[in-house]
Amino acid sequence: MSQIAVRLSEAELGMLDSAVARGDFRSRAEAVRAGVRLLARDLREARIEASYRSAYGATPLAEDEQVALDAAAAFAGDAAW
């Protein structure tokens, strides 16, 4: 495993130390590794979302698909959550 140096603001370090003190993580290093994993997941999901958006933009919906999508959107907008 490699080691790196990271500079954090006092506020960021305070949040990190608070998470460790609460027992959310065993150490600062564990918390940082968890943060890196979350960042990697978010970036991967953003790339997947962009790929879907691009693919659907390149292939127009068939008329029946658009009607179904419009109906679902209308239902979602009218639903009482």
PDB file of N, CA and C in Angstrom:
ATOM      1  N   MET A   1       0.849  -1.175   0.000  1.00  0.00           N
ATOM      2  CA  MET A   1       0.000   0.000   0.000  1.00  0.00           C
ATOM      3  C   MET A   1       0.895   1.239   0.000  1.00  0.00           C
ATOM      4  N   SER A   2       0.537   2.212  -0.808  1.00  0.00           N
ATOM      5  CA  SER A   2       1.308   3.451  -0.902  1.00  0.00           C
ATOM      6  C   SER A   2       0.846   4.455   0.144  1.00  0.00           C
ATOM      7  N   GLN A   3       1.701   5.414   0.418  1.00  0.00           N
ATOM      8  CA  GLN A   3       1.392   6.463   1.385  1.00  0.00           C
ATOM      9  C   GLN A   3       1.524   7.806   0.685  1.00  0.00           C
ATOM     10  N   ILE A   4       0.595   8.731   0.988  1.00  0.00           N
ATOM     11  CA  ILE A   4       0.651  10.076   0.407  1.00  0.00           C
ATOM     12  C   ILE A   4       0.482  11.104   1.522  1.00  0.00           C
ATOM     13  N   ALA A   5       0.887  12.326   1.234  1.00  0.00           N
ATOM     14  CA  ALA A   5       0.672  13.441   2.166  1.00  0.00           C
ATOM     15  C   ALA A   5      -0.492  14.268   1.637  1.00  0.00           C
ATOM     16  N   VAL A   6      -1.349  14.695   2.527  1.00  0.00           N
ATOM     17  CA  VAL A   6      -2.526  15.475   2.142  1.00  0.00           C
ATOM     18  C   VAL A   6      -2.630  16.683   3.056  1.00  0.00           C
ATOM     19  N   ARG A   7      -2.897  17.839   2.483  1.00  0.00           N
ATOM     20  CA  ARG A   7      -3.110  19.050   3.281  1.00  0.00           C
ATOM     21  C   ARG A   7      -4.616  19.277   3.397  1.00  0.00           C
ATOM     22  N   LEU A   8      -5.080  19.467   4.641  1.00  0.00           N
ATOM     23  CA  LEU A   8      -6.487  19.719   4.909  1.00  0.00           C
ATOM     24  C   LEU A   8      -6.621  21.010   5.697  1.00  0.00           C
ATOM     25  N   SER A   9      -7.747  21.672   5.494  1.00  0.00           N
ATOM     26  CA  SER A   9      -8.022  22.860   6.304  1.00  0.00           C
ATOM     27  C   SER A   9      -8.334  22.406   7.727  1.00  0.00           C
ATOM     28  N   GLU A  10      -8.304  23.345   8.653  1.00  0.00           N
ATOM     29  CA  GLU A  10      -8.638  23.017  10.041  1.00  0.00           C
ATOM     30  C   GLU A  10     -10.061  22.471  10.129  1.00  0.00           C
ATOM     31  N   ALA A  11     -10.979  23.044   9.350  1.00  0.00           N
ATOM     32  CA  ALA A  11     -12.374  22.581   9.368  1.00  0.00           C
ATOM     33  C   ALA A  11     -12.474  21.147   8.841  1.00  0.00           C
ATOM     34  N   GLU A  12     -11.769  20.858   7.758  1.00  0.00           N
ATOM     35  CA  GLU A  12     -11.794  19.505   7.196  1.00  0.00           C
ATOM     36  C   GLU A  12     -11.190  18.499   8.175  1.00  0.00           C
ATOM     37  N   LEU A  13     -10.086  18.879   8.792  1.00  0.00           N
ATOM     38  CA  LEU A  13      -9.450  18.000   9.769  1.00  0.00           C
ATOM     39  C   LEU A  13     -10.359  17.796  10.978  1.00  0.00           C
ATOM     40  N   GLY A  14     -11.046  18.843  11.373  1.00  0.00           N
ATOM     41  CA  GLY A  14     -11.985  18.721  12.487  1.00  0.00           C
ATOM     42  C   GLY A  14     -13.110  17.746  12.176  1.00  0.00           C
ATOM     43  N   MET A  15     -13.651  17.822  10.957  1.00  0.00           N
ATOM     44  CA  MET A  15     -14.706  16.887  10.551  1.00  0.00           C
ATOM     45  C   MET A  15     -14.184  15.458  10.544  1.00  0.00           C
ATOM     46  N   LEU A  16     -12.974  15.289  10.039  1.00  0.00           N
ATOM     47  CA  LEU A  16     -12.349  13.975   9.986  1.00  0.00           C
ATOM     48  C   LEU A  16     -12.159  13.423  11.398  1.00  0.00           C
ATOM     49  N   ASP A  17     -11.609  14.230  12.274  1.00  0.00           N
ATOM     50  CA  ASP A  17     -11.376  13.792  13.649  1.00  0.00           C
ATOM     51  C   ASP A  17     -12.696  13.515  14.383  1.00  0.00           C
ATOM     52  N   SER A  18     -13.717  14.300  14.101  1.00  0.00           N
ATOM     53  CA  SER A  18     -15.028  14.061  14.722  1.00  0.00           C
ATOM     54  C   SER A  18     -15.592  12.716  14.292  1.00  0.00           C
ATOM     55  N   ALA A  19     -15.450  12.385  13.013  1.00  0.00           N
ATOM     56  CA  ALA A  19     -15.941  11.095  12.519  1.00  0.00           C
ATOM     57  C   ALA A  19     -15.211   9.945  13.196  1.00  0.00           C
ATOM     58  N   VAL A  20     -13.920  10.108  13.397  1.00  0.00           N
ATOM     59  CA  VAL A  20     -13.131   9.073  14.087  1.00  0.00           C
ATOM     60  C   VAL A  20     -13.551   8.999  15.553  1.00  0.00           C
ATOM     61  N   ALA A  21     -13.730  10.153  16.196  1.00  0.00           N
ATOM     62  CA  ALA A  21     -14.112  10.183  17.612  1.00  0.00           C
ATOM     63  C   ALA A  21     -15.487   9.549  17.835  1.00  0.00           C
ATOM     64  N   ARG A  22     -16.409   9.724  16.892  1.00  0.00           N
ATOM     65  CA  ARG A  22     -17.737   9.115  16.990  1.00  0.00           C
ATOM     66  C   ARG A  22     -17.693   7.609  16.783  1.00  0.00           C
ATOM     67  N   GLY A  23     -16.573   7.128  16.280  1.00  0.00           N
ATOM     68  CA  GLY A  23     -16.461   5.705  15.999  1.00  0.00           C
ATOM     69  C   GLY A  23     -16.906   5.323  14.607  1.00  0.00           C
ATOM     70  N   ASP A  24     -17.123   6.328  13.741  1.00  0.00           N
ATOM     71  CA  ASP A  24     -17.513   6.036  12.354  1.00  0.00           C
ATOM     72  C   ASP A  24     -16.372   5.328  11.624  1.00  0.00           C
ATOM     73  N   PHE A  25     -15.150   5.650  12.010  1.00  0.00           N
ATOM     74  CA  PHE A  25     -13.946   5.066  11.418  1.00  0.00           C
ATOM     75  C   PHE A  25     -12.948   4.786  12.529  1.00  0.00           C
ATOM     76  N   ARG A  26     -12.072   3.812  12.296  1.00  0.00           N
ATOM     77  CA  ARG A  26     -11.065   3.473  13.308  1.00  0.00           C
ATOM     78  C   ARG A  26      -9.914   4.467  13.317  1.00  0.00           C
ATOM     79  N   SER A  27      -9.698   5.146  12.179  1.00  0.00           N
ATOM     80  CA  SER A  27      -8.568   6.073  12.092  1.00  0.00           C
ATOM     81  C   SER A  27      -8.832   7.095  11.004  1.00  0.00           C
ATOM     82  N   ARG A  28      -8.004   8.136  10.997  1.00  0.00           N
ATOM     83  CA  ARG A  28      -8.074   9.123   9.915  1.00  0.00           C
ATOM     84  C   ARG A  28      -7.851   8.445   8.561  1.00  0.00           C
ATOM     85  N   ALA A  29      -6.868   7.555   8.523  1.00  0.00           N
ATOM     86  CA  ALA A  29      -6.532   6.889   7.260  1.00  0.00           C
ATOM     87  C   ALA A  29      -7.718   6.089   6.739  1.00  0.00           C
ATOM     88  N   GLU A  30      -8.419   5.382   7.624  1.00  0.00           N
ATOM     89  CA  GLU A  30      -9.585   4.608   7.191  1.00  0.00           C
ATOM     90  C   GLU A  30     -10.666   5.538   6.646  1.00  0.00           C
ATOM     91  N   ALA A  31     -10.856   6.685   7.296  1.00  0.00           N
ATOM     92  CA  ALA A  31     -11.853   7.647   6.844  1.00  0.00           C
ATOM     93  C   ALA A  31     -11.490   8.206   5.470  1.00  0.00           C
ATOM     94  N   VAL A  32     -10.231   8.526   5.274  1.00  0.00           N
ATOM     95  CA  VAL A  32      -9.791   9.059   3.978  1.00  0.00           C
ATOM     96  C   VAL A  32      -9.965   7.996   2.889  1.00  0.00           C
ATOM     97  N   ARG A  33      -9.608   6.748   3.183  1.00  0.00           N
ATOM     98  CA  ARG A  33      -9.788   5.681   2.188  1.00  0.00           C
ATOM     99  C   ARG A  33     -11.261   5.525   1.830  1.00  0.00           C
ATOM    100  N   ALA A  34     -12.143   5.615   2.828  1.00  0.00           N
ATOM    101  CA  ALA A  34     -13.580   5.531   2.559  1.00  0.00           C
ATOM    102  C   ALA A  34     -14.026   6.688   1.666  1.00  0.00           C
ATOM    103  N   GLY A  35     -13.482   7.868   1.926  1.00  0.00           N
ATOM    104  CA  GLY A  35     -13.811   9.029   1.092  1.00  0.00           C
ATOM    105  C   GLY A  35     -13.351   8.851  -0.344  1.00  0.00           C
ATOM    106  N   VAL A  36     -12.182   8.287  -0.525  1.00  0.00           N
ATOM    107  CA  VAL A  36     -11.669   8.038  -1.882  1.00  0.00           C
ATOM    108  C   VAL A  36     -12.556   7.024  -2.597  1.00  0.00           C
ATOM    109  N   ARG A  37     -13.001   5.986  -1.873  1.00  0.00           N
ATOM    110  CA  ARG A  37     -13.896   4.998  -2.488  1.00  0.00           C
ATOM    111  C   ARG A  37     -15.211   5.651  -2.904  1.00  0.00           C
ATOM    112  N   LEU A  38     -15.764   6.537  -2.053  1.00  0.00           N
ATOM    113  CA  LEU A  38     -17.001   7.235  -2.407  1.00  0.00           C
ATOM    114  C   LEU A  38     -16.809   8.137  -3.621  1.00  0.00           C
ATOM    115  N   LEU A  39     -15.685   8.823  -3.671  1.00  0.00           N
ATOM    116  CA  LEU A  39     -15.382   9.670  -4.818  1.00  0.00           C
ATOM    117  C   LEU A  39     -15.302   8.835  -6.092  1.00  0.00           C
ATOM    118  N   ALA A  40     -14.614   7.710  -6.025  1.00  0.00           N
ATOM    119  CA  ALA A  40     -14.491   6.831  -7.195  1.00  0.00           C
ATOM    120  C   ALA A  40     -15.863   6.339  -7.639  1.00  0.00           C
ATOM    121  N   ARG A  41     -16.722   5.968  -6.676  1.00  0.00           N
ATOM    122  CA  ARG A  41     -18.072   5.513  -7.012  1.00  0.00           C
ATOM    123  C   ARG A  41     -18.877   6.629  -7.679  1.00  0.00           C
ATOM    124  N   ASP A  42     -18.811   7.839  -7.114  1.00  0.00           N
ATOM    125  CA  ASP A  42     -19.550   8.971  -7.685  1.00  0.00           C
ATOM    126  C   ASP A  42     -19.084   9.285  -9.098  1.00  0.00           C
ATOM    127  N   LEU A  43     -17.772   9.262  -9.326  1.00  0.00           N
ATOM    128  CA  LEU A  43     -17.240   9.532 -10.662  1.00  0.00           C
ATOM    129  C   LEU A  43     -17.668   8.451 -11.653  1.00  0.00           C
ATOM    130  N   ARG A  44     -17.637   7.191 -11.214  1.00  0.00           N
ATOM    131  CA  ARG A  44     -18.055   6.082 -12.081  1.00  0.00           C
ATOM    132  C   ARG A  44     -19.536   6.226 -12.437  1.00  0.00           C
ATOM    133  N   GLU A  45     -20.373   6.545 -11.451  1.00  0.00           N
ATOM    134  CA  GLU A  45     -21.805   6.717 -11.702  1.00  0.00           C
ATOM    135  C   GLU A  45     -22.068   7.905 -12.621  1.00  0.00           C
ATOM    136  N   ALA A  46     -21.300   8.969 -12.478  1.00  0.00           N
ATOM    137  CA  ALA A  46     -21.456  10.130 -13.358  1.00  0.00           C
ATOM    138  C   ALA A  46     -21.093   9.777 -14.793  1.00  0.00           C
ATOM    139  N   ARG A  47     -20.029   8.964 -14.979  1.00  0.00           N
ATOM    140  CA  ARG A  47     -19.660   8.534 -16.333  1.00  0.00           C
ATOM    141  C   ARG A  47     -20.740   7.655 -16.940  1.00  0.00           C
ATOM    142  N   ILE A  48     -21.312   6.766 -16.145  1.00  0.00           N
ATOM    143  CA  ILE A  48     -22.388   5.894 -16.640  1.00  0.00           C
ATOM    144  C   ILE A  48     -23.601   6.734 -17.017  1.00  0.00           C
ATOM    145  N   GLU A  49     -23.957   7.682 -16.166  1.00  0.00           N
ATOM    146  CA  GLU A  49     -25.096   8.558 -16.448  1.00  0.00           C
ATOM    147  C   GLU A  49     -24.872   9.350 -17.732  1.00  0.00           C
ATOM    148  N   ALA A  50     -23.669   9.865 -17.919  1.00  0.00           N
ATOM    149  CA  ALA A  50     -23.357  10.617 -19.136  1.00  0.00           C
ATOM    150  C   ALA A  50     -23.439   9.715 -20.368  1.00  0.00           C
ATOM    151  N   SER A  51     -23.021   8.470 -20.227  1.00  0.00           N
ATOM    152  CA  SER A  51     -23.107   7.531 -21.351  1.00  0.00           C
ATOM    153  C   SER A  51     -24.552   7.259 -21.720  1.00  0.00           C
ATOM    154  N   TYR A  52     -25.402   7.046 -20.716  1.00  0.00           N
ATOM    155  CA  TYR A  52     -26.826   6.835 -20.992  1.00  0.00           C
ATOM    156  C   TYR A  52     -27.432   8.070 -21.664  1.00  0.00           C
ATOM    157  N   ARG A  53     -27.109   9.256 -21.113  1.00  0.00           N
ATOM    158  CA  ARG A  53     -27.649  10.487 -21.670  1.00  0.00           C
ATOM    159  C   ARG A  53     -27.232  10.641 -23.126  1.00  0.00           C
ATOM    160  N   SER A  54     -25.978  10.354 -23.405  1.00  0.00           N
ATOM    161  CA  SER A  54     -25.475  10.462 -24.768  1.00  0.00           C
ATOM    162  C   SER A  54     -26.154   9.461 -25.695  1.00  0.00           C
ATOM    163  N   ALA A  55     -26.282   8.229 -25.229  1.00  0.00           N
ATOM    164  CA  ALA A  55     -26.887   7.184 -26.062  1.00  0.00           C
ATOM    165  C   ALA A  55     -28.353   7.480 -26.340  1.00  0.00           C
ATOM    166  N   TYR A  56     -29.091   7.908 -25.311  1.00  0.00           N
ATOM    167  CA  TYR A  56     -30.501   8.209 -25.530  1.00  0.00           C
ATOM    168  C   TYR A  56     -30.671   9.461 -26.379  1.00  0.00           C
ATOM    169  N   GLY A  57     -29.725  10.392 -26.289  1.00  0.00           N
ATOM    170  CA  GLY A  57     -29.799  11.581 -27.129  1.00  0.00           C
ATOM    171  C   GLY A  57     -29.520  11.261 -28.587  1.00  0.00           C
ATOM    172  N   ALA A  58     -28.693  10.253 -28.828  1.00  0.00           N
ATOM    173  CA  ALA A  58     -28.345   9.879 -30.196  1.00  0.00           C
ATOM    174  C   ALA A  58     -29.411   9.016 -30.840  1.00  0.00           C
ATOM    175  N   THR A  59     -30.247   8.373 -30.033  1.00  0.00           N
ATOM    176  CA  THR A  59     -31.285   7.488 -30.556  1.00  0.00           C
ATOM    177  C   THR A  59     -32.635   7.988 -30.070  1.00  0.00           C
ATOM    178  N   PRO A  60     -33.373   8.684 -30.924  1.00  0.00           N
ATOM    179  CA  PRO A  60     -34.666   9.216 -30.510  1.00  0.00           C
ATOM    180  C   PRO A  60     -35.618   8.084 -30.100  1.00  0.00           C
ATOM    181  N   LEU A  61     -36.506   8.408 -29.185  1.00  0.00           N
ATOM    182  CA  LEU A  61     -37.500   7.437 -28.761  1.00  0.00           C
ATOM    183  C   LEU A  61     -38.524   7.209 -29.859  1.00  0.00           C
ATOM    184  N   ALA A  62     -39.047   5.994 -29.923  1.00  0.00           N
ATOM    185  CA  ALA A  62     -40.167   5.715 -30.812  1.00  0.00           C
ATOM    186  C   ALA A  62     -41.384   6.443 -30.244  1.00  0.00           C
ATOM    187  N   GLU A  63     -42.388   6.648 -31.075  1.00  0.00           N
ATOM    188  CA  GLU A  63     -43.557   7.413 -30.643  1.00  0.00           C
ATOM    189  C   GLU A  63     -44.232   6.788 -29.429  1.00  0.00           C
ATOM    190  N   ASP A  64     -44.387   5.456 -29.414  1.00  0.00           N
ATOM    191  CA  ASP A  64     -45.034   4.807 -28.266  1.00  0.00           C
ATOM    192  C   ASP A  64     -44.178   4.925 -27.006  1.00  0.00           C
ATOM    193  N   GLU A  65     -42.855   4.932 -27.159  1.00  0.00           N
ATOM    194  CA  GLU A  65     -41.976   5.103 -26.014  1.00  0.00           C
ATOM    195  C   GLU A  65     -42.098   6.508 -25.441  1.00  0.00           C
ATOM    196  N   GLN A  66     -42.205   7.508 -26.329  1.00  0.00           N
ATOM    197  CA  GLN A  66     -42.352   8.889 -25.879  1.00  0.00           C
ATOM    198  C   GLN A  66     -43.675   9.085 -25.166  1.00  0.00           C
ATOM    199  N   VAL A  67     -44.749   8.464 -25.685  1.00  0.00           N
ATOM    200  CA  VAL A  67     -46.064   8.557 -25.042  1.00  0.00           C
ATOM    201  C   VAL A  67     -45.995   7.959 -23.643  1.00  0.00           C
ATOM    202  N   ALA A  68     -45.358   6.795 -23.511  1.00  0.00           N
ATOM    203  CA  ALA A  68     -45.233   6.148 -22.203  1.00  0.00           C
ATOM    204  C   ALA A  68     -44.398   7.005 -21.253  1.00  0.00           C
ATOM    205  N   LEU A  69     -43.316   7.588 -21.750  1.00  0.00           N
ATOM    206  CA  LEU A  69     -42.467   8.442 -20.922  1.00  0.00           C
ATOM    207  C   LEU A  69     -43.227   9.673 -20.460  1.00  0.00           C
ATOM    208  N   ASP A  70     -43.979  10.295 -21.363  1.00  0.00           N
ATOM    209  CA  ASP A  70     -44.772  11.472 -21.000  1.00  0.00           C
ATOM    210  C   ASP A  70     -45.823  11.127 -19.947  1.00  0.00           C
ATOM    211  N   ALA A  71     -46.452   9.958 -20.099  1.00  0.00           N
ATOM    212  CA  ALA A  71     -47.463   9.531 -19.131  1.00  0.00           C
ATOM    213  C   ALA A  71     -46.827   9.285 -17.766  1.00  0.00           C
ATOM    214  N   ALA A  72     -45.667   8.666 -17.752  1.00  0.00           N
ATOM    215  CA  ALA A  72     -44.976   8.413 -16.485  1.00  0.00           C
ATOM    216  C   ALA A  72     -44.568   9.724 -15.827  1.00  0.00           C
ATOM    217  N   ALA A  73     -44.092  10.667 -16.621  1.00  0.00           N
ATOM    218  CA  ALA A  73     -43.698  11.966 -16.076  1.00  0.00           C
ATOM    219  C   ALA A  73     -44.903  12.700 -15.514  1.00  0.00           C
ATOM    220  N   ALA A  74     -46.037  12.627 -16.207  1.00  0.00           N
ATOM    221  CA  ALA A  74     -47.249  13.268 -15.727  1.00  0.00           C
ATOM    222  C   ALA A  74     -47.712  12.630 -14.428  1.00  0.00           C
ATOM    223  N   PHE A  75     -47.657  11.310 -14.366  1.00  0.00           N
ATOM    224  CA  PHE A  75     -48.042  10.604 -13.148  1.00  0.00           C
ATOM    225  C   PHE A  75     -47.133  10.984 -11.992  1.00  0.00           C
ATOM    226  N   ALA A  76     -45.848  11.018 -12.235  1.00  0.00           N
ATOM    227  CA  ALA A  76     -44.892  11.364 -11.178  1.00  0.00           C
ATOM    228  C   ALA A  76     -45.118  12.786 -10.687  1.00  0.00           C
ATOM    229  N   GLY A  77     -45.480  13.682 -11.606  1.00  0.00           N
ATOM    230  CA  GLY A  77     -45.729  15.059 -11.220  1.00  0.00           C
ATOM    231  C   GLY A  77     -47.010  15.226 -10.431  1.00  0.00           C
ATOM    232  N   ASP A  78     -47.987  14.342 -10.671  1.00  0.00           N
ATOM    233  CA  ASP A  78     -49.284  14.423  -9.989  1.00  0.00           C
ATOM    234  C   ASP A  78     -49.322  13.616  -8.696  1.00  0.00           C
ATOM    235  N   ALA A  79     -48.358  12.729  -8.520  1.00  0.00           N
ATOM    236  CA  ALA A  79     -48.380  11.845  -7.356  1.00  0.00           C
ATOM    237  C   ALA A  79     -48.171  12.643  -6.075  1.00  0.00           C
ATOM    238  N   ALA A  80     -48.924  12.282  -5.067  1.00  0.00           N
ATOM    239  CA  ALA A  80     -48.781  12.922  -3.752  1.00  0.00           C
ATOM    240  C   ALA A  80     -47.792  12.116  -2.931  1.00  0.00           C
ATOM    241  N   TRP A  81     -46.585  12.598  -2.842  1.00  0.00           N
ATOM    242  CA  TRP A  81     -45.552  11.884  -2.094  1.00  0.00           C
ATOM    243  C   TRP A  81     -45.621  12.354  -0.716  1.00  0.00           C
TER     244      TRP A  81
END
